[in-house]
Amino acid sequence: MPTYDYHCDACDHEFEEFQSITASPLKKCPACGKRKLRRLIGPGAAILFKGSGFYQTDYRSSSYKQGAAKDKGNSGNNGQNGSKKD
């Protein structure tokens, strides 16, 4: 459920209210009791990336790629010719 920001035009009271998205906006100010309340439009939700970052964790360095290519070339046949010896 989202948190909505409200502002009273009569007394300049601002507060947050935790409401269902389908709930109708509040109309009465809890501080002064007047019906001059309006819901403020906020920036919305944000995506937070934690850790060292997208670029650093998803893209390998050139030295890693060279080492991986070398390992792949050496482990291609593992010393076997495809025939099985008994």
PDB file of N, CA and C in Angstrom:
ATOM      1  N   MET A   1       0.844  -1.180   0.000  1.00  0.00           N
ATOM      2  CA  MET A   1       0.000   0.000   0.000  1.00  0.00           C
ATOM      3  C   MET A   1       0.889   1.242   0.000  1.00  0.00           C
ATOM      4  N   PRO A   2       0.532   2.225  -0.804  1.00  0.00           N
ATOM      5  CA  PRO A   2       1.363   3.430  -0.900  1.00  0.00           C
ATOM      6  C   PRO A   2       1.128   4.413   0.246  1.00  0.00           C
ATOM      7  N   THR A   3       2.085   5.288   0.410  1.00  0.00           N
ATOM      8  CA  THR A   3       1.991   6.376   1.372  1.00  0.00           C
ATOM      9  C   THR A   3       1.746   7.660   0.592  1.00  0.00           C
ATOM     10  N   TYR A   4       0.701   8.381   0.966  1.00  0.00           N
ATOM     11  CA  TYR A   4       0.341   9.623   0.277  1.00  0.00           C
ATOM     12  C   TYR A   4       0.684  10.823   1.144  1.00  0.00           C
ATOM     13  N   ASP A   5       1.112  11.906   0.510  1.00  0.00           N
ATOM     14  CA  ASP A   5       1.380  13.172   1.188  1.00  0.00           C
ATOM     15  C   ASP A   5       0.154  14.059   1.050  1.00  0.00           C
ATOM     16  N   TYR A   6      -0.197  14.738   2.147  1.00  0.00           N
ATOM     17  CA  TYR A   6      -1.344  15.645   2.158  1.00  0.00           C
ATOM     18  C   TYR A   6      -0.906  17.007   2.665  1.00  0.00           C
ATOM     19  N   HIS A   7      -1.606  18.038   2.194  1.00  0.00           N
ATOM     20  CA  HIS A   7      -1.353  19.414   2.613  1.00  0.00           C
ATOM     21  C   HIS A   7      -2.689  20.105   2.854  1.00  0.00           C
ATOM     22  N   CYS A   8      -2.789  20.797   3.992  1.00  0.00           N
ATOM     23  CA  CYS A   8      -3.998  21.561   4.310  1.00  0.00           C
ATOM     24  C   CYS A   8      -3.769  23.012   3.895  1.00  0.00           C
ATOM     25  N   ASP A   9      -4.658  23.527   3.054  1.00  0.00           N
ATOM     26  CA  ASP A   9      -4.546  24.916   2.609  1.00  0.00           C
ATOM     27  C   ASP A   9      -4.957  25.907   3.696  1.00  0.00           C
ATOM     28  N   ALA A  10      -5.705  25.457   4.693  1.00  0.00           N
ATOM     29  CA  ALA A  10      -6.164  26.353   5.757  1.00  0.00           C
ATOM     30  C   ALA A  10      -5.077  26.608   6.801  1.00  0.00           C
ATOM     31  N   CYS A  11      -4.393  25.546   7.245  1.00  0.00           N
ATOM     32  CA  CYS A  11      -3.413  25.709   8.325  1.00  0.00           C
ATOM     33  C   CYS A  11      -1.982  25.339   7.921  1.00  0.00           C
ATOM     34  N   ASP A  12      -1.758  25.001   6.663  1.00  0.00           N
ATOM     35  CA  ASP A  12      -0.439  24.615   6.135  1.00  0.00           C
ATOM     36  C   ASP A  12       0.151  23.369   6.799  1.00  0.00           C
ATOM     37  N   HIS A  13      -0.705  22.537   7.358  1.00  0.00           N
ATOM     38  CA  HIS A  13      -0.261  21.283   7.968  1.00  0.00           C
ATOM     39  C   HIS A  13       0.022  20.263   6.864  1.00  0.00           C
ATOM     40  N   GLU A  14       1.190  19.611   6.930  1.00  0.00           N
ATOM     41  CA  GLU A  14       1.537  18.565   5.969  1.00  0.00           C
ATOM     42  C   GLU A  14       1.774  17.269   6.726  1.00  0.00           C
ATOM     43  N   PHE A  15       1.294  16.163   6.157  1.00  0.00           N
ATOM     44  CA  PHE A  15       1.474  14.859   6.784  1.00  0.00           C
ATOM     45  C   PHE A  15       1.400  13.774   5.728  1.00  0.00           C
ATOM     46  N   GLU A  16       1.778  12.567   6.133  1.00  0.00           N
ATOM     47  CA  GLU A  16       1.724  11.398   5.261  1.00  0.00           C
ATOM     48  C   GLU A  16       0.662  10.445   5.787  1.00  0.00           C
ATOM     49  N   GLU A  17      -0.013   9.784   4.876  1.00  0.00           N
ATOM     50  CA  GLU A  17      -1.053   8.815   5.249  1.00  0.00           C
ATOM     51  C   GLU A  17      -0.836   7.532   4.454  1.00  0.00           C
ATOM     52  N   PHE A  18      -0.841   6.414   5.154  1.00  0.00           N
ATOM     53  CA  PHE A  18      -0.679   5.092   4.557  1.00  0.00           C
ATOM     54  C   PHE A  18      -2.067   4.583   4.191  1.00  0.00           C
ATOM     55  N   GLN A  19      -2.376   4.547   2.882  1.00  0.00           N
ATOM     56  CA  GLN A  19      -3.714   4.191   2.415  1.00  0.00           C
ATOM     57  C   GLN A  19      -3.649   3.176   1.286  1.00  0.00           C
ATOM     58  N   SER A  20      -4.774   2.507   1.079  1.00  0.00           N
ATOM     59  CA  SER A  20      -4.918   1.624  -0.070  1.00  0.00           C
ATOM     60  C   SER A  20      -4.986   2.477  -1.331  1.00  0.00           C
ATOM     61  N   ILE A  21      -4.553   1.903  -2.431  1.00  0.00           N
ATOM     62  CA  ILE A  21      -4.563   2.651  -3.692  1.00  0.00           C
ATOM     63  C   ILE A  21      -5.990   2.919  -4.167  1.00  0.00           C
ATOM     64  N   THR A  22      -6.940   2.100  -3.740  1.00  0.00           N
ATOM     65  CA  THR A  22      -8.334   2.286  -4.147  1.00  0.00           C
ATOM     66  C   THR A  22      -9.110   3.188  -3.189  1.00  0.00           C
ATOM     67  N   ALA A  23      -8.501   3.575  -2.072  1.00  0.00           N
ATOM     68  CA  ALA A  23      -9.182   4.435  -1.101  1.00  0.00           C
ATOM     69  C   ALA A  23      -9.316   5.852  -1.653  1.00  0.00           C
ATOM     70  N   SER A  24     -10.419   6.492  -1.342  1.00  0.00           N
ATOM     71  CA  SER A  24     -10.615   7.873  -1.786  1.00  0.00           C
ATOM     72  C   SER A  24      -9.741   8.808  -0.949  1.00  0.00           C
ATOM     73  N   PRO A  25      -9.315   9.936  -1.520  1.00  0.00           N
ATOM     74  CA  PRO A  25      -8.455  10.871  -0.787  1.00  0.00           C
ATOM     75  C   PRO A  25      -9.144  11.431   0.452  1.00  0.00           C
ATOM     76  N   LEU A  26      -8.337  11.730   1.469  1.00  0.00           N
ATOM     77  CA  LEU A  26      -8.874  12.344   2.683  1.00  0.00           C
ATOM     78  C   LEU A  26      -9.333  13.758   2.362  1.00  0.00           C
ATOM     79  N   LYS A  27     -10.318  14.229   3.084  1.00  0.00           N
ATOM     80  CA  LYS A  27     -10.851  15.571   2.835  1.00  0.00           C
ATOM     81  C   LYS A  27     -10.728  16.487   4.050  1.00  0.00           C
ATOM     82  N   LYS A  28     -10.715  15.909   5.258  1.00  0.00           N
ATOM     83  CA  LYS A  28     -10.711  16.699   6.486  1.00  0.00           C
ATOM     84  C   LYS A  28      -9.321  16.684   7.122  1.00  0.00           C
ATOM     85  N   CYS A  29      -8.805  17.860   7.444  1.00  0.00           N
ATOM     86  CA  CYS A  29      -7.488  18.001   8.057  1.00  0.00           C
ATOM     87  C   CYS A  29      -7.524  17.507   9.504  1.00  0.00           C
ATOM     88  N   PRO A  30      -6.584  16.647   9.908  1.00  0.00           N
ATOM     89  CA  PRO A  30      -6.579  16.168  11.292  1.00  0.00           C
ATOM     90  C   PRO A  30      -6.113  17.234  12.289  1.00  0.00           C
ATOM     91  N   ALA A  31      -5.425  18.276  11.831  1.00  0.00           N
ATOM     92  CA  ALA A  31      -4.928  19.314  12.730  1.00  0.00           C
ATOM     93  C   ALA A  31      -5.980  20.378  13.029  1.00  0.00           C
ATOM     94  N   CYS A  32      -6.631  20.915  11.986  1.00  0.00           N
ATOM     95  CA  CYS A  32      -7.580  22.014  12.195  1.00  0.00           C
ATOM     96  C   CYS A  32      -9.030  21.596  11.998  1.00  0.00           C
ATOM     97  N   GLY A  33      -9.267  20.467  11.348  1.00  0.00           N
ATOM     98  CA  GLY A  33     -10.628  19.976  11.149  1.00  0.00           C
ATOM     99  C   GLY A  33     -11.343  20.564   9.945  1.00  0.00           C
ATOM    100  N   LYS A  34     -10.702  21.455   9.210  1.00  0.00           N
ATOM    101  CA  LYS A  34     -11.346  22.053   8.038  1.00  0.00           C
ATOM    102  C   LYS A  34     -11.211  21.130   6.831  1.00  0.00           C
ATOM    103  N   ARG A  35     -12.090  21.311   5.870  1.00  0.00           N
ATOM    104  CA  ARG A  35     -12.111  20.468   4.677  1.00  0.00           C
ATOM    105  C   ARG A  35     -11.331  21.126   3.529  1.00  0.00           C
ATOM    106  N   LYS A  36     -10.096  21.494   3.813  1.00  0.00           N
ATOM    107  CA  LYS A  36      -9.227  22.151   2.833  1.00  0.00           C
ATOM    108  C   LYS A  36      -7.998  21.291   2.535  1.00  0.00           C
ATOM    109  N   LEU A  37      -8.162  19.999   2.613  1.00  0.00           N
ATOM    110  CA  LEU A  37      -7.051  19.076   2.437  1.00  0.00           C
ATOM    111  C   LEU A  37      -6.914  18.666   0.981  1.00  0.00           C
ATOM    112  N   ARG A  38      -5.688  18.564   0.508  1.00  0.00           N
ATOM    113  CA  ARG A  38      -5.470  18.065  -0.850  1.00  0.00           C
ATOM    114  C   ARG A  38      -4.283  17.110  -0.850  1.00  0.00           C
ATOM    115  N   ARG A  39      -4.384  16.124  -1.731  1.00  0.00           N
ATOM    116  CA  ARG A  39      -3.323  15.121  -1.858  1.00  0.00           C
ATOM    117  C   ARG A  39      -2.250  15.669  -2.789  1.00  0.00           C
ATOM    118  N   LEU A  40      -1.001  15.588  -2.349  1.00  0.00           N
ATOM    119  CA  LEU A  40       0.121  16.070  -3.149  1.00  0.00           C
ATOM    120  C   LEU A  40       0.607  14.961  -4.072  1.00  0.00           C
ATOM    121  N   ILE A  41       1.088  15.351  -5.221  1.00  0.00           N
ATOM    122  CA  ILE A  41       1.632  14.389  -6.167  1.00  0.00           C
ATOM    123  C   ILE A  41       3.124  14.270  -5.903  1.00  0.00           C
ATOM    124  N   GLY A  42       3.554  13.055  -5.602  1.00  0.00           N
ATOM    125  CA  GLY A  42       4.954  12.808  -5.271  1.00  0.00           C
ATOM    126  C   GLY A  42       5.716  12.209  -6.433  1.00  0.00           C
ATOM    127  N   PRO A  43       6.992  11.960  -6.221  1.00  0.00           N
ATOM    128  CA  PRO A  43       7.834  11.412  -7.286  1.00  0.00           C
ATOM    129  C   PRO A  43       7.580   9.939  -7.570  1.00  0.00           C
ATOM    130  N   GLY A  44       6.882   9.248  -6.692  1.00  0.00           N
ATOM    131  CA  GLY A  44       6.621   7.829  -6.917  1.00  0.00           C
ATOM    132  C   GLY A  44       7.726   6.959  -6.363  1.00  0.00           C
ATOM    133  N   ALA A  45       7.629   5.699  -6.662  1.00  0.00           N
ATOM    134  CA  ALA A  45       8.606   4.735  -6.172  1.00  0.00           C
ATOM    135  C   ALA A  45       9.875   4.790  -7.015  1.00  0.00           C
ATOM    136  N   ALA A  46      10.951   4.392  -6.408  1.00  0.00           N
ATOM    137  CA  ALA A  46      12.232   4.379  -7.104  1.00  0.00           C
ATOM    138  C   ALA A  46      12.857   2.998  -7.006  1.00  0.00           C
ATOM    139  N   ILE A  47      13.686   2.691  -7.966  1.00  0.00           N
ATOM    140  CA  ILE A  47      14.428   1.441  -7.946  1.00  0.00           C
ATOM    141  C   ILE A  47      15.795   1.730  -7.344  1.00  0.00           C
ATOM    142  N   LEU A  48      16.155   0.970  -6.346  1.00  0.00           N
ATOM    143  CA  LEU A  48      17.442   1.154  -5.696  1.00  0.00           C
ATOM    144  C   LEU A  48      18.349  -0.017  -6.033  1.00  0.00           C
ATOM    145  N   PHE A  49      19.506   0.283  -6.592  1.00  0.00           N
ATOM    146  CA  PHE A  49      20.501  -0.738  -6.872  1.00  0.00           C
ATOM    147  C   PHE A  49      21.525  -0.704  -5.748  1.00  0.00           C
ATOM    148  N   LYS A  50      21.709  -1.835  -5.087  1.00  0.00           N
ATOM    149  CA  LYS A  50      22.677  -1.905  -3.999  1.00  0.00           C
ATOM    150  C   LYS A  50      23.862  -2.749  -4.438  1.00  0.00           C
ATOM    151  N   GLY A  51      24.980  -2.530  -3.817  1.00  0.00           N
ATOM    152  CA  GLY A  51      26.169  -3.296  -4.158  1.00  0.00           C
ATOM    153  C   GLY A  51      27.142  -2.456  -4.960  1.00  0.00           C
ATOM    154  N   SER A  52      28.029  -3.136  -5.672  1.00  0.00           N
ATOM    155  CA  SER A  52      29.076  -2.429  -6.401  1.00  0.00           C
ATOM    156  C   SER A  52      28.578  -1.801  -7.690  1.00  0.00           C
ATOM    157  N   GLY A  53      27.406  -2.194  -8.156  1.00  0.00           N
ATOM    158  CA  GLY A  53      26.835  -1.542  -9.324  1.00  0.00           C
ATOM    159  C   GLY A  53      26.594  -2.475 -10.482  1.00  0.00           C
ATOM    160  N   PHE A  54      25.698  -2.078 -11.347  1.00  0.00           N
ATOM    161  CA  PHE A  54      25.297  -2.879 -12.506  1.00  0.00           C
ATOM    162  C   PHE A  54      26.469  -3.099 -13.451  1.00  0.00           C
ATOM    163  N   TYR A  55      27.184  -2.057 -13.780  1.00  0.00           N
ATOM    164  CA  TYR A  55      28.251  -2.156 -14.767  1.00  0.00           C
ATOM    165  C   TYR A  55      29.379  -3.056 -14.268  1.00  0.00           C
ATOM    166  N   GLN A  56      29.757  -2.897 -13.015  1.00  0.00           N
ATOM    167  CA  GLN A  56      30.889  -3.655 -12.488  1.00  0.00           C
ATOM    168  C   GLN A  56      30.577  -5.135 -12.329  1.00  0.00           C
ATOM    169  N   THR A  57      29.351  -5.472 -12.009  1.00  0.00           N
ATOM    170  CA  THR A  57      29.026  -6.876 -11.773  1.00  0.00           C
ATOM    171  C   THR A  57      28.580  -7.606 -13.023  1.00  0.00           C
ATOM    172  N   ASP A  58      28.092  -6.917 -14.033  1.00  0.00           N
ATOM    173  CA  ASP A  58      27.568  -7.588 -15.215  1.00  0.00           C
ATOM    174  C   ASP A  58      28.512  -7.582 -16.408  1.00  0.00           C
ATOM    175  N   TYR A  59      29.541  -6.824 -16.372  1.00  0.00           N
ATOM    176  CA  TYR A  59      30.491  -6.770 -17.473  1.00  0.00           C
ATOM    177  C   TYR A  59      31.878  -7.111 -16.936  1.00  0.00           C
ATOM    178  N   ARG A  60      32.493  -8.106 -17.523  1.00  0.00           N
ATOM    179  CA  ARG A  60      33.802  -8.556 -17.062  1.00  0.00           C
ATOM    180  C   ARG A  60      34.913  -7.723 -17.697  1.00  0.00           C
ATOM    181  N   SER A  61      36.052  -7.714 -17.015  1.00  0.00           N
ATOM    182  CA  SER A  61      37.207  -6.994 -17.544  1.00  0.00           C
ATOM    183  C   SER A  61      37.829  -7.777 -18.693  1.00  0.00           C
ATOM    184  N   SER A  62      38.663  -7.112 -19.457  1.00  0.00           N
ATOM    185  CA  SER A  62      39.294  -7.767 -20.608  1.00  0.00           C
ATOM    186  C   SER A  62      40.250  -8.864 -20.150  1.00  0.00           C
ATOM    187  N   SER A  63      40.918  -8.704 -19.003  1.00  0.00           N
ATOM    188  CA  SER A  63      41.827  -9.748 -18.519  1.00  0.00           C
ATOM    189  C   SER A  63      41.052 -11.013 -18.145  1.00  0.00           C
ATOM    190  N   TYR A  64      39.856 -10.855 -17.604  1.00  0.00           N
ATOM    191  CA  TYR A  64      39.029 -12.025 -17.287  1.00  0.00           C
ATOM    192  C   TYR A  64      38.618 -12.746 -18.563  1.00  0.00           C
ATOM    193  N   LYS A  65      38.216 -11.989 -19.572  1.00  0.00           N
ATOM    194  CA  LYS A  65      37.797 -12.594 -20.840  1.00  0.00           C
ATOM    195  C   LYS A  65      38.947 -13.343 -21.501  1.00  0.00           C
ATOM    196  N   GLN A  66      40.154 -12.798 -21.441  1.00  0.00           N
ATOM    197  CA  GLN A  66      41.316 -13.464 -22.031  1.00  0.00           C
ATOM    198  C   GLN A  66      41.625 -14.760 -21.294  1.00  0.00           C
ATOM    199  N   GLY A  67      41.550 -14.740 -19.976  1.00  0.00           N
ATOM    200  CA  GLY A  67      41.794 -15.945 -19.189  1.00  0.00           C
ATOM    201  C   GLY A  67      40.736 -17.005 -19.438  1.00  0.00           C
ATOM    202  N   ALA A  68      39.493 -16.597 -19.572  1.00  0.00           N
ATOM    203  CA  ALA A  68      38.408 -17.541 -19.841  1.00  0.00           C
ATOM    204  C   ALA A  68      38.563 -18.163 -21.216  1.00  0.00           C
ATOM    205  N   ALA A  69      38.989 -17.389 -22.200  1.00  0.00           N
ATOM    206  CA  ALA A  69      39.195 -17.918 -23.549  1.00  0.00           C
ATOM    207  C   ALA A  69      40.350 -18.914 -23.558  1.00  0.00           C
ATOM    208  N   LYS A  70      41.399 -18.639 -22.788  1.00  0.00           N
ATOM    209  CA  LYS A  70      42.546 -19.541 -22.714  1.00  0.00           C
ATOM    210  C   LYS A  70      42.132 -20.864 -22.060  1.00  0.00           C
ATOM    211  N   ASP A  71      41.367 -20.790 -20.974  1.00  0.00           N
ATOM    212  CA  ASP A  71      40.884 -22.000 -20.302  1.00  0.00           C
ATOM    213  C   ASP A  71      39.958 -22.802 -21.202  1.00  0.00           C
ATOM    214  N   LYS A  72      39.144 -22.139 -21.951  1.00  0.00           N
ATOM    215  CA  LYS A  72      38.212 -22.823 -22.852  1.00  0.00           C
ATOM    216  C   LYS A  72      38.974 -23.554 -23.950  1.00  0.00           C
ATOM    217  N   GLY A  73      40.034 -22.959 -24.457  1.00  0.00           N
ATOM    218  CA  GLY A  73      40.846 -23.589 -25.496  1.00  0.00           C
ATOM    219  C   GLY A  73      41.581 -24.813 -24.973  1.00  0.00           C
ATOM    220  N   ASN A  74      42.050 -24.781 -23.734  1.00  0.00           N
ATOM    221  CA  ASN A  74      42.778 -25.911 -23.146  1.00  0.00           C
ATOM    222  C   ASN A  74      41.855 -27.054 -22.747  1.00  0.00           C
ATOM    223  N   SER A  75      40.636 -26.781 -22.400  1.00  0.00           N
ATOM    224  CA  SER A  75      39.736 -27.825 -21.921  1.00  0.00           C
ATOM    225  C   SER A  75      38.822 -28.353 -23.014  1.00  0.00           C
ATOM    226  N   GLY A  76      39.134 -28.075 -24.266  1.00  0.00           N
ATOM    227  CA  GLY A  76      38.290 -28.502 -25.378  1.00  0.00           C
ATOM    228  C   GLY A  76      38.194 -29.999 -25.534  1.00  0.00           C
ATOM    229  N   ASN A  77      39.338 -30.732 -25.415  1.00  0.00           N
ATOM    230  CA  ASN A  77      39.274 -32.174 -25.597  1.00  0.00           C
ATOM    231  C   ASN A  77      39.692 -32.946 -24.351  1.00  0.00           C
ATOM    232  N   ASN A  78      40.249 -32.295 -23.362  1.00  0.00           N
ATOM    233  CA  ASN A  78      40.652 -32.908 -22.097  1.00  0.00           C
ATOM    234  C   ASN A  78      41.555 -34.122 -22.294  1.00  0.00           C
ATOM    235  N   GLY A  79      42.365 -34.138 -23.358  1.00  0.00           N
ATOM    236  CA  GLY A  79      43.288 -35.236 -23.587  1.00  0.00           C
ATOM    237  C   GLY A  79      42.655 -36.482 -24.174  1.00  0.00           C
ATOM    238  N   GLN A  80      41.434 -36.414 -24.625  1.00  0.00           N
ATOM    239  CA  GLN A  80      40.752 -37.578 -25.199  1.00  0.00           C
ATOM    240  C   GLN A  80      40.537 -37.345 -26.686  1.00  0.00           C
ATOM    241  N   ASN A  81      40.608 -38.423 -27.458  1.00  0.00           N
ATOM    242  CA  ASN A  81      40.419 -38.332 -28.899  1.00  0.00           C
ATOM    243  C   ASN A  81      39.005 -38.669 -29.309  1.00  0.00           C
ATOM    244  N   GLY A  82      38.140 -38.903 -28.397  1.00  0.00           N
ATOM    245  CA  GLY A  82      36.772 -39.272 -28.721  1.00  0.00           C
ATOM    246  C   GLY A  82      36.578 -40.777 -28.741  1.00  0.00           C
ATOM    247  N   SER A  83      37.682 -41.564 -28.742  1.00  0.00           N
ATOM    248  CA  SER A  83      37.546 -43.022 -28.694  1.00  0.00           C
ATOM    249  C   SER A  83      37.830 -43.497 -27.282  1.00  0.00           C
ATOM    250  N   LYS A  84      37.153 -44.522 -26.886  1.00  0.00           N
ATOM    251  CA  LYS A  84      37.277 -45.027 -25.530  1.00  0.00           C
ATOM    252  C   LYS A  84      38.203 -46.237 -25.526  1.00  0.00           C
ATOM    253  N   LYS A  85      39.210 -46.228 -24.660  1.00  0.00           N
ATOM    254  CA  LYS A  85      40.156 -47.340 -24.564  1.00  0.00           C
ATOM    255  C   LYS A  85      39.831 -48.162 -23.336  1.00  0.00           C
ATOM    256  N   ASP A  86      39.865 -49.496 -23.512  1.00  0.00           N
ATOM    257  CA  ASP A  86      39.602 -50.385 -22.375  1.00  0.00           C
ATOM    258  C   ASP A  86      40.851 -51.012 -21.865  1.00  0.00           C
TER     259      ASP A  86
END
